[in-house]
Amino acid sequence: MRELLVTNDTVLLGYVTALLADQGINTLVFDQHISVMEGGIGAFPRRLMVSEDNWSRAVRILCDADLAEWVNGLDNA
């Protein structure tokens, strides 16, 4: 698994997850249940993960959707 983006924005997270799912890319959200520990204040960002095999394709999809600024590690692609 490779980290695609990190955000506290649940709307963005849902949008990107749906966008990738529409293209057949499975995702996994890490840290989504940390709010139980933090009291729901949004201090801990959620991490959207994709398989290493799908990472480059997911990056292209996000760039095409004008979301390149959110891609983690884009300079390493």
N, C-alpha and C. Protein backbone atom coordinates (compact mmCIF):
# COMPACT_ATOMS: atom_id res chain seq x y z
N MET A 1 0.85 -1.18 0.00
CA MET A 1 0.00 0.00 0.00
C MET A 1 0.89 1.24 0.00
N ARG A 2 0.41 2.25 -0.68
CA ARG A 2 1.15 3.51 -0.75
C ARG A 2 0.20 4.67 -0.46
N GLU A 3 0.68 5.62 0.29
CA GLU A 3 -0.11 6.78 0.67
C GLU A 3 -0.31 7.69 -0.54
N LEU A 4 -1.57 7.94 -0.87
CA LEU A 4 -1.89 8.80 -2.01
C LEU A 4 -2.13 10.23 -1.57
N LEU A 5 -2.91 10.40 -0.51
CA LEU A 5 -3.14 11.75 0.00
C LEU A 5 -3.41 11.71 1.49
N VAL A 6 -3.20 12.86 2.11
CA VAL A 6 -3.43 13.02 3.55
C VAL A 6 -4.28 14.27 3.72
N THR A 7 -5.41 14.13 4.43
CA THR A 7 -6.30 15.26 4.59
C THR A 7 -7.20 15.10 5.82
N ASN A 8 -7.68 16.23 6.31
CA ASN A 8 -8.73 16.26 7.33
C ASN A 8 -10.09 16.49 6.69
N ASP A 9 -10.11 16.77 5.40
CA ASP A 9 -11.32 17.11 4.66
C ASP A 9 -12.06 15.83 4.27
N THR A 10 -13.12 15.51 4.99
CA THR A 10 -13.86 14.28 4.73
C THR A 10 -14.59 14.32 3.39
N VAL A 11 -14.96 15.51 2.94
CA VAL A 11 -15.62 15.63 1.64
C VAL A 11 -14.62 15.29 0.52
N LEU A 12 -13.42 15.84 0.61
CA LEU A 12 -12.38 15.53 -0.38
C LEU A 12 -12.06 14.05 -0.36
N LEU A 13 -11.95 13.49 0.82
CA LEU A 13 -11.65 12.07 0.96
C LEU A 13 -12.72 11.21 0.29
N GLY A 14 -13.97 11.55 0.53
CA GLY A 14 -15.07 10.82 -0.08
C GLY A 14 -15.10 10.98 -1.60
N TYR A 15 -14.82 12.19 -2.07
CA TYR A 15 -14.80 12.45 -3.50
C TYR A 15 -13.70 11.65 -4.20
N VAL A 16 -12.50 11.70 -3.65
CA VAL A 16 -11.38 10.99 -4.26
C VAL A 16 -11.61 9.48 -4.21
N THR A 17 -12.14 8.99 -3.10
CA THR A 17 -12.45 7.57 -2.99
C THR A 17 -13.44 7.15 -4.06
N ALA A 18 -14.49 7.94 -4.26
CA ALA A 18 -15.49 7.63 -5.28
C ALA A 18 -14.91 7.75 -6.69
N LEU A 19 -14.09 8.75 -6.91
CA LEU A 19 -13.45 8.96 -8.21
C LEU A 19 -12.58 7.76 -8.58
N LEU A 20 -11.81 7.29 -7.63
CA LEU A 20 -10.93 6.15 -7.89
C LEU A 20 -11.73 4.85 -8.01
N ALA A 21 -12.75 4.68 -7.19
CA ALA A 21 -13.58 3.49 -7.27
C ALA A 21 -14.26 3.39 -8.63
N ASP A 22 -14.66 4.54 -9.17
CA ASP A 22 -15.29 4.57 -10.49
C ASP A 22 -14.33 4.07 -11.58
N GLN A 23 -13.04 4.19 -11.32
CA GLN A 23 -12.02 3.73 -12.27
C GLN A 23 -11.47 2.35 -11.90
N GLY A 24 -12.11 1.70 -10.93
CA GLY A 24 -11.73 0.35 -10.54
C GLY A 24 -10.54 0.26 -9.61
N ILE A 25 -10.22 1.36 -8.93
CA ILE A 25 -9.09 1.37 -8.00
C ILE A 25 -9.61 1.31 -6.57
N ASN A 26 -9.24 0.26 -5.86
CA ASN A 26 -9.63 0.11 -4.46
C ASN A 26 -8.75 0.98 -3.58
N THR A 27 -9.35 1.55 -2.56
CA THR A 27 -8.63 2.40 -1.62
C THR A 27 -8.87 1.90 -0.20
N LEU A 28 -8.03 2.36 0.69
CA LEU A 28 -8.19 2.07 2.10
C LEU A 28 -7.86 3.34 2.86
N VAL A 29 -8.72 3.71 3.80
CA VAL A 29 -8.50 4.92 4.59
C VAL A 29 -7.90 4.53 5.93
N PHE A 30 -6.70 5.03 6.17
CA PHE A 30 -6.05 4.81 7.46
C PHE A 30 -6.40 5.97 8.39
N ASP A 31 -6.49 5.69 9.66
CA ASP A 31 -6.71 6.68 10.71
C ASP A 31 -8.11 7.26 10.73
N GLN A 32 -9.07 6.62 10.09
CA GLN A 32 -10.42 7.20 10.07
C GLN A 32 -11.14 7.07 11.41
N HIS A 33 -10.71 6.17 12.25
CA HIS A 33 -11.37 5.99 13.55
C HIS A 33 -10.62 6.64 14.70
N ILE A 34 -9.60 7.40 14.38
CA ILE A 34 -8.81 8.07 15.42
C ILE A 34 -9.64 9.15 16.12
N SER A 35 -10.74 9.58 15.50
CA SER A 35 -11.56 10.62 16.11
C SER A 35 -12.10 10.20 17.47
N VAL A 36 -12.21 8.91 17.71
CA VAL A 36 -12.64 8.42 19.02
C VAL A 36 -11.61 8.84 20.07
N MET A 37 -10.35 8.78 19.69
CA MET A 37 -9.28 9.14 20.62
C MET A 37 -9.10 10.65 20.75
N GLU A 38 -9.32 11.37 19.64
CA GLU A 38 -9.06 12.81 19.62
C GLU A 38 -10.27 13.65 20.03
N GLY A 39 -11.41 13.04 20.17
CA GLY A 39 -12.60 13.77 20.56
C GLY A 39 -13.26 14.51 19.40
N GLY A 40 -12.96 14.11 18.17
CA GLY A 40 -13.61 14.70 17.00
C GLY A 40 -13.15 16.10 16.64
N ILE A 41 -11.96 16.51 17.09
CA ILE A 41 -11.51 17.88 16.81
C ILE A 41 -10.78 18.02 15.48
N GLY A 42 -10.55 16.91 14.78
CA GLY A 42 -9.91 16.96 13.48
C GLY A 42 -8.42 17.19 13.51
N ALA A 43 -7.77 16.82 14.59
CA ALA A 43 -6.34 17.06 14.73
C ALA A 43 -5.49 16.05 13.95
N PHE A 44 -6.05 14.89 13.69
CA PHE A 44 -5.30 13.86 12.98
C PHE A 44 -5.84 13.66 11.58
N PRO A 45 -5.04 13.89 10.57
CA PRO A 45 -5.51 13.70 9.20
C PRO A 45 -5.70 12.23 8.86
N ARG A 46 -6.55 11.99 7.90
CA ARG A 46 -6.80 10.64 7.41
C ARG A 46 -5.88 10.42 6.21
N ARG A 47 -5.43 9.18 6.02
CA ARG A 47 -4.54 8.85 4.91
C ARG A 47 -5.26 7.92 3.95
N LEU A 48 -5.29 8.30 2.68
CA LEU A 48 -5.90 7.46 1.66
C LEU A 48 -4.81 6.65 0.99
N MET A 49 -4.95 5.34 1.06
CA MET A 49 -3.94 4.42 0.56
C MET A 49 -4.46 3.69 -0.67
N VAL A 50 -3.55 3.43 -1.61
CA VAL A 50 -3.84 2.60 -2.77
C VAL A 50 -2.71 1.58 -2.90
N SER A 51 -2.96 0.54 -3.66
CA SER A 51 -1.90 -0.45 -3.87
C SER A 51 -0.77 0.17 -4.67
N GLU A 52 0.41 -0.34 -4.47
CA GLU A 52 1.59 0.16 -5.20
C GLU A 52 1.36 0.05 -6.71
N ASP A 53 0.69 -1.03 -7.15
CA ASP A 53 0.42 -1.24 -8.58
C ASP A 53 -0.49 -0.18 -9.17
N ASN A 54 -1.38 0.38 -8.36
CA ASN A 54 -2.35 1.37 -8.85
C ASN A 54 -1.96 2.81 -8.57
N TRP A 55 -0.83 3.03 -7.87
CA TRP A 55 -0.48 4.37 -7.44
C TRP A 55 -0.31 5.34 -8.62
N SER A 56 0.45 4.97 -9.62
CA SER A 56 0.69 5.87 -10.76
C SER A 56 -0.60 6.20 -11.48
N ARG A 57 -1.45 5.21 -11.66
CA ARG A 57 -2.74 5.44 -12.31
C ARG A 57 -3.63 6.35 -11.47
N ALA A 58 -3.62 6.14 -10.16
CA ALA A 58 -4.40 6.99 -9.26
C ALA A 58 -3.91 8.43 -9.31
N VAL A 59 -2.59 8.62 -9.38
CA VAL A 59 -2.02 9.96 -9.48
C VAL A 59 -2.50 10.64 -10.75
N ARG A 60 -2.47 9.92 -11.88
CA ARG A 60 -2.94 10.50 -13.14
C ARG A 60 -4.41 10.90 -13.06
N ILE A 61 -5.21 10.07 -12.42
CA ILE A 61 -6.64 10.37 -12.28
C ILE A 61 -6.82 11.63 -11.46
N LEU A 62 -6.10 11.76 -10.36
CA LEU A 62 -6.21 12.96 -9.54
C LEU A 62 -5.69 14.19 -10.26
N CYS A 63 -4.62 14.06 -11.00
CA CYS A 63 -4.10 15.19 -11.78
C CYS A 63 -5.11 15.62 -12.83
N ASP A 64 -5.74 14.66 -13.50
CA ASP A 64 -6.76 14.98 -14.51
C ASP A 64 -7.97 15.67 -13.89
N ALA A 65 -8.22 15.38 -12.61
CA ALA A 65 -9.35 16.00 -11.88
C ALA A 65 -8.93 17.30 -11.21
N ASP A 66 -7.73 17.81 -11.54
CA ASP A 66 -7.20 19.06 -10.99
C ASP A 66 -7.02 18.97 -9.46
N LEU A 67 -6.58 17.81 -9.00
CA LEU A 67 -6.35 17.59 -7.57
C LEU A 67 -4.89 17.25 -7.29
N ALA A 68 -3.99 17.62 -8.19
CA ALA A 68 -2.57 17.27 -8.04
C ALA A 68 -1.97 17.82 -6.75
N GLU A 69 -2.44 18.95 -6.29
CA GLU A 69 -1.88 19.55 -5.08
C GLU A 69 -2.07 18.66 -3.85
N TRP A 70 -3.02 17.74 -3.91
CA TRP A 70 -3.30 16.87 -2.77
C TRP A 70 -2.50 15.58 -2.79
N VAL A 71 -1.87 15.27 -3.92
CA VAL A 71 -1.15 14.00 -4.04
C VAL A 71 0.12 14.03 -3.21
N ASN A 72 0.25 13.07 -2.33
CA ASN A 72 1.42 12.96 -1.47
C ASN A 72 2.53 12.23 -2.23
N GLY A 73 3.71 12.84 -2.29
CA GLY A 73 4.84 12.21 -2.94
C GLY A 73 4.84 12.33 -4.45
N LEU A 74 4.13 13.30 -4.98
CA LEU A 74 4.04 13.45 -6.43
C LEU A 74 5.41 13.71 -7.04
N ASP A 75 6.27 14.39 -6.34
CA ASP A 75 7.61 14.68 -6.85
C ASP A 75 8.45 13.42 -6.98
N ASN A 76 7.99 12.31 -6.36
CA ASN A 76 8.71 11.03 -6.45
C ASN A 76 8.14 10.12 -7.52
N ALA A 77 7.08 10.56 -8.19
CA ALA A 77 6.41 9.68 -9.17
C ALA A 77 7.22 9.55 -10.44
